[in-house]
Protein backbone atom coordinates (compact mmCIF):
# COMPACT_ATOMS: atom_id res chain seq x y z
CA UNK A 1 0.13 -0.01 -0.13
CA UNK A 2 2.82 2.52 1.01
CA UNK A 3 4.39 2.34 -2.34
CA UNK A 4 0.97 3.29 -4.14
CA UNK A 5 1.31 6.96 -2.80
CA UNK A 6 3.51 9.72 -1.94
CA UNK A 7 3.10 10.63 1.62
CA UNK A 8 3.86 14.27 2.53
CA UNK A 9 4.13 16.07 5.81
CA UNK A 10 2.36 19.20 6.95
CA UNK A 11 4.64 21.22 9.19
CA UNK A 12 3.90 23.90 12.00
CA UNK A 13 6.48 26.01 13.73
CA UNK A 14 7.20 26.50 17.44
CA UNK A 15 5.13 23.54 18.41
CA UNK A 16 5.98 20.24 20.38
CA UNK A 17 4.20 17.07 20.38
CA UNK A 18 4.21 15.80 23.91
CA UNK A 19 4.89 12.05 24.40
CA UNK A 20 4.12 9.19 22.14
CA UNK A 21 7.77 8.67 21.43
CA UNK A 22 8.73 5.88 19.03
CA UNK A 23 12.58 6.95 18.49
CA UNK A 24 14.90 9.73 17.48
CA UNK A 25 17.32 10.29 14.70
CA UNK A 26 19.60 13.08 13.83
CA UNK A 27 18.68 15.36 11.13
CA UNK A 28 20.15 18.86 10.18
CA UNK A 29 16.72 19.99 8.65
CA UNK A 30 13.23 19.72 9.90
CA UNK A 31 11.97 18.57 6.50
CA UNK A 32 14.21 15.77 6.80
CA UNK A 33 12.19 14.17 9.61
CA UNK A 34 9.34 13.52 6.99
CA UNK A 35 11.18 10.60 5.27
CA UNK A 36 12.66 9.45 8.47
CA UNK A 37 9.02 9.04 9.84
CA UNK A 38 7.84 7.45 6.79
CA UNK A 39 10.52 4.46 7.19
CA UNK A 40 9.81 4.11 10.64
CA UNK A 41 7.49 1.38 12.01
CA UNK A 42 4.66 2.99 13.63
CA UNK A 43 5.61 6.58 13.42
CA UNK A 44 2.83 9.14 12.19
CA UNK A 45 4.30 12.42 13.49
CA UNK A 46 7.35 14.07 14.63
CA UNK A 47 9.15 17.40 16.41
CA UNK A 48 12.15 18.47 15.32
CA UNK A 49 14.60 20.40 17.54
CA UNK A 50 18.08 21.73 17.10
CA UNK A 51 19.52 19.30 20.10
CA UNK A 52 22.83 17.91 19.06
CA UNK A 53 22.85 19.83 15.62
CA UNK A 54 19.24 18.70 14.79
CA UNK A 55 17.16 15.63 16.01
CA UNK A 56 13.82 14.28 14.76
CA UNK A 57 11.90 13.04 17.72
CA UNK A 58 9.72 10.38 16.11
CA UNK A 59 6.09 10.06 17.49
CA UNK A 60 3.17 7.48 16.73
CA UNK A 61 0.56 10.29 16.60
CA UNK A 62 -0.02 14.08 17.15
CA UNK A 63 -2.08 13.90 20.26
CA UNK A 64 -1.07 16.51 22.99
CA UNK A 65 0.94 19.78 21.93
CA UNK A 66 2.65 22.59 23.53
CA UNK A 67 4.54 25.67 22.48
CA UNK A 68 8.20 25.27 21.97
CA UNK A 69 10.31 27.98 20.67
CA UNK A 70 12.23 26.82 17.77
CA UNK A 71 10.82 23.36 17.27
CA UNK A 72 8.98 22.12 14.13
CA UNK A 73 6.26 19.74 14.11
CA UNK A 74 5.07 17.55 11.21
CA UNK A 75 2.37 14.98 10.61
CA UNK A 76 3.01 12.48 8.33
CA UNK A 77 0.12 12.90 5.52
CA UNK A 78 -2.10 10.00 4.28
CA UNK A 79 -4.53 9.31 1.47
CA UNK A 80 -7.92 8.92 3.04
CA UNK A 81 -9.22 7.41 -0.07
CA UNK A 82 -6.96 4.35 1.12
CA UNK A 83 -9.18 3.65 3.92
CA UNK A 84 -12.78 2.67 3.15
CA UNK A 85 -16.01 3.89 4.56
CA UNK A 86 -16.21 3.95 8.41
CA UNK A 87 -18.28 1.31 10.39
CA UNK A 88 -19.65 2.97 13.50
CA UNK A 89 -20.06 0.98 16.41
CA UNK A 90 -18.49 -2.04 15.02
CA UNK A 91 -15.22 -3.68 16.18
CA UNK A 92 -13.14 -5.85 14.06
CA UNK A 93 -12.23 -8.80 16.20
CA UNK A 94 -8.86 -10.16 16.33
CA UNK A 95 -6.24 -10.12 13.87
CA UNK A 96 -4.17 -7.27 16.09
CA UNK A 97 -0.72 -6.19 14.91
CA UNK A 98 -0.33 -3.30 17.26
CA UNK A 99 -2.07 -0.74 19.25
CA UNK A 100 -1.10 2.90 19.29
CA UNK A 101 -2.44 6.13 20.79
CA UNK A 102 -4.76 8.10 18.43
CA UNK A 103 -7.16 10.72 19.01
CA UNK A 104 -9.03 10.38 16.06
CA UNK A 105 -10.12 7.37 13.51
CA UNK A 106 -8.51 9.56 10.73
CA UNK A 107 -5.06 9.35 12.53
CA UNK A 108 -5.69 5.29 12.66
CA UNK A 109 -6.09 5.46 8.90
CA UNK A 110 -2.57 7.09 8.75
CA UNK A 111 -1.02 4.88 11.04
CA UNK A 112 -2.42 1.90 9.38
CA UNK A 113 -0.87 2.87 5.97
CA UNK A 114 2.52 2.90 7.81
CA UNK A 115 2.32 -0.07 9.46
CA UNK A 116 3.52 -3.02 7.34
CA UNK A 117 0.90 -5.82 6.92
CA UNK A 118 -1.87 -3.67 8.16
CA UNK A 119 -5.29 -4.05 6.26
CA UNK A 120 -7.83 -2.40 8.70
CA UNK A 121 -8.15 -0.79 12.01
CA UNK A 122 -10.72 -0.15 15.05
CA UNK A 123 -10.50 3.11 16.69
CA UNK A 124 -11.99 3.02 20.28
CA UNK A 125 -11.82 5.69 23.15
CA UNK A 126 -9.45 3.63 25.32
CA UNK A 127 -7.01 5.87 27.09
CA UNK A 128 -8.50 8.61 25.24
CA UNK A 129 -8.24 7.13 21.83
CA UNK A 130 -6.39 4.04 20.98
CA UNK A 131 -6.01 2.59 17.15
CA UNK A 132 -6.05 -1.10 17.06
CA UNK A 133 -4.11 -1.67 13.96
CA UNK A 134 -5.20 -4.95 12.11
CA UNK A 135 -3.97 -7.45 9.48
CA UNK A 136 -7.35 -7.68 7.99
CA UNK A 137 -11.37 -7.57 8.56
CA UNK A 138 -12.44 -11.31 8.95
CA UNK A 139 -14.64 -11.13 11.82
CA UNK A 140 -16.96 -8.07 13.22
CA UNK A 141 -18.52 -7.48 16.47
CA UNK A 142 -20.59 -4.58 17.89
CA UNK A 143 -18.93 -2.22 20.23
CA UNK A 144 -20.56 1.10 21.14
CA UNK A 145 -18.48 3.99 20.30
CA UNK A 146 -15.92 2.10 18.30
CA UNK A 147 -15.25 3.22 14.69
CA UNK A 148 -13.63 0.74 12.00
CA UNK A 149 -12.34 0.62 8.44
CA UNK A 150 -10.25 -1.34 6.00
CA UNK A 151 -7.10 -0.38 4.33
CA UNK A 152 -7.81 -0.68 0.71
CA UNK A 153 -4.91 -2.47 -0.96
CA UNK A 154 -4.33 -2.23 -4.80
CA UNK A 155 -6.45 -5.28 -6.34
CA UNK A 156 -8.09 -5.41 -9.55
CA UNK A 157 -11.73 -5.27 -10.24
CA UNK A 158 -13.58 -8.48 -9.08
CA UNK A 159 -14.42 -10.84 -11.96
CA UNK A 160 -17.87 -12.49 -11.16
CA UNK A 161 -18.39 -16.07 -11.70
CA UNK A 162 -14.78 -16.65 -12.34
CA UNK A 163 -12.74 -19.61 -10.45
CA UNK A 164 -8.75 -19.38 -10.45
CA UNK A 165 -7.85 -22.83 -10.84
CA UNK A 166 -4.99 -24.57 -8.76
CA UNK A 167 -2.14 -22.46 -7.20
CA UNK A 168 -3.64 -22.51 -3.94
CA UNK A 169 -1.70 -21.32 -0.90
CA UNK A 170 -4.25 -21.37 1.86
CA UNK A 171 -7.90 -20.45 2.59
CA UNK A 172 -9.15 -17.73 5.14
CA UNK A 173 -12.72 -17.03 6.33
CA UNK A 174 -14.07 -13.62 5.45
CA UNK A 175 -17.44 -11.87 5.21
CA UNK A 176 -17.35 -10.50 1.70
CA UNK A 177 -15.15 -10.97 -1.40
CA UNK A 178 -13.83 -7.53 -1.09
CA UNK A 179 -11.96 -8.37 2.23
CA UNK A 180 -9.73 -11.06 0.36
CA UNK A 181 -7.73 -8.44 -0.97
CA UNK A 182 -6.18 -7.14 2.13
CA UNK A 183 -5.69 -10.90 3.37
CA UNK A 184 -3.93 -11.40 0.00
CA UNK A 185 -1.55 -8.70 0.22
CA UNK A 186 2.12 -9.58 1.10
CA UNK A 187 1.27 -13.16 0.95
CA UNK A 188 -0.32 -14.14 -2.58
CA UNK A 189 -0.98 -12.78 -6.06
CA UNK A 190 -4.71 -13.42 -6.58
CA UNK A 191 -7.81 -14.95 -4.95
CA UNK A 192 -10.94 -16.58 -5.41
CA UNK A 193 -13.87 -16.38 -3.15
CA UNK A 194 -16.64 -18.70 -2.18
CA UNK A 195 -19.65 -17.09 -0.30
CA UNK A 196 -21.63 -19.10 2.25
CA UNK A 197 -25.39 -18.82 3.34
CA UNK A 198 -24.41 -20.24 6.76
CA UNK A 199 -21.87 -17.68 7.84
CA UNK A 200 -18.57 -16.28 6.65
CA UNK A 201 -17.25 -17.04 3.16
CA UNK A 202 -13.94 -18.43 1.97
CA UNK A 203 -10.94 -16.68 0.53
CA UNK A 204 -8.73 -18.95 -1.64
CA UNK A 205 -5.40 -17.41 -1.75
CA UNK A 206 -3.25 -18.15 -4.86
CA UNK A 207 0.16 -17.70 -6.29
CA UNK A 208 -1.19 -16.57 -9.57
CA UNK A 209 -4.44 -15.49 -11.32
CA UNK A 210 -4.49 -18.15 -14.08
CA UNK A 211 -5.61 -20.37 -15.41
CA UNK A 212 -9.41 -19.52 -14.73
CA UNK A 213 -12.84 -21.20 -15.34
CA UNK A 214 -16.67 -20.12 -15.13
CA UNK A 215 -18.17 -21.21 -11.98
CA UNK A 216 -21.32 -19.64 -10.93
CA UNK A 217 -21.42 -17.75 -7.47
CA UNK A 218 -17.94 -16.95 -6.98
CA UNK A 219 -15.75 -14.17 -7.70
CA UNK A 220 -11.94 -13.67 -8.27
CA UNK A 221 -9.15 -10.56 -8.41
CA UNK A 222 -5.48 -10.17 -8.76
CA UNK A 223 -3.33 -8.06 -7.09
CA UNK A 224 -1.97 -4.92 -9.08
């Protein structure tokens, strides 16, 4: 997902992000912190100061801030279109990769996009806001106040009534065909989804998108 977009950073002068530290790196210019943050697991924001000739203080998110003369704070931008429609009062069960502080669901979207293997998130107000970063959306539950969304990877359009023959890696349960795309990212090249009337359907993860055959009721797609 990360390679499909260019993440920029919005800068604010004379401002420090309090807490949420995930590391520090030397940098002579505050603008250099943006690339450093993008390449650091779990980093969604930073504060630069002239400490030791210039230091990037890497943060998981921009939450509490305070005035700080000479400091420069940046937030890693993200593409909100890469996160699907928010599901209100819905929790994605399991598949947790990590949890990070986030005051809003939009911060979770950015954090998920900078977390390798992330395919979804759930936001709750735990500890004044927490992003529960998930590998995928496979099972959902009702949690009052929770907000969840998927991170949309780059998959080709669904081909209805098409089955990819052979090339099977594994099978994973999923509510709808579109969820197979996130499950496939990083592990496979294509998938076929078989729905079920009695519960979640099944994603058949594949090493290749060919050969195919016509099969009523199934849907297939390949990663771009």
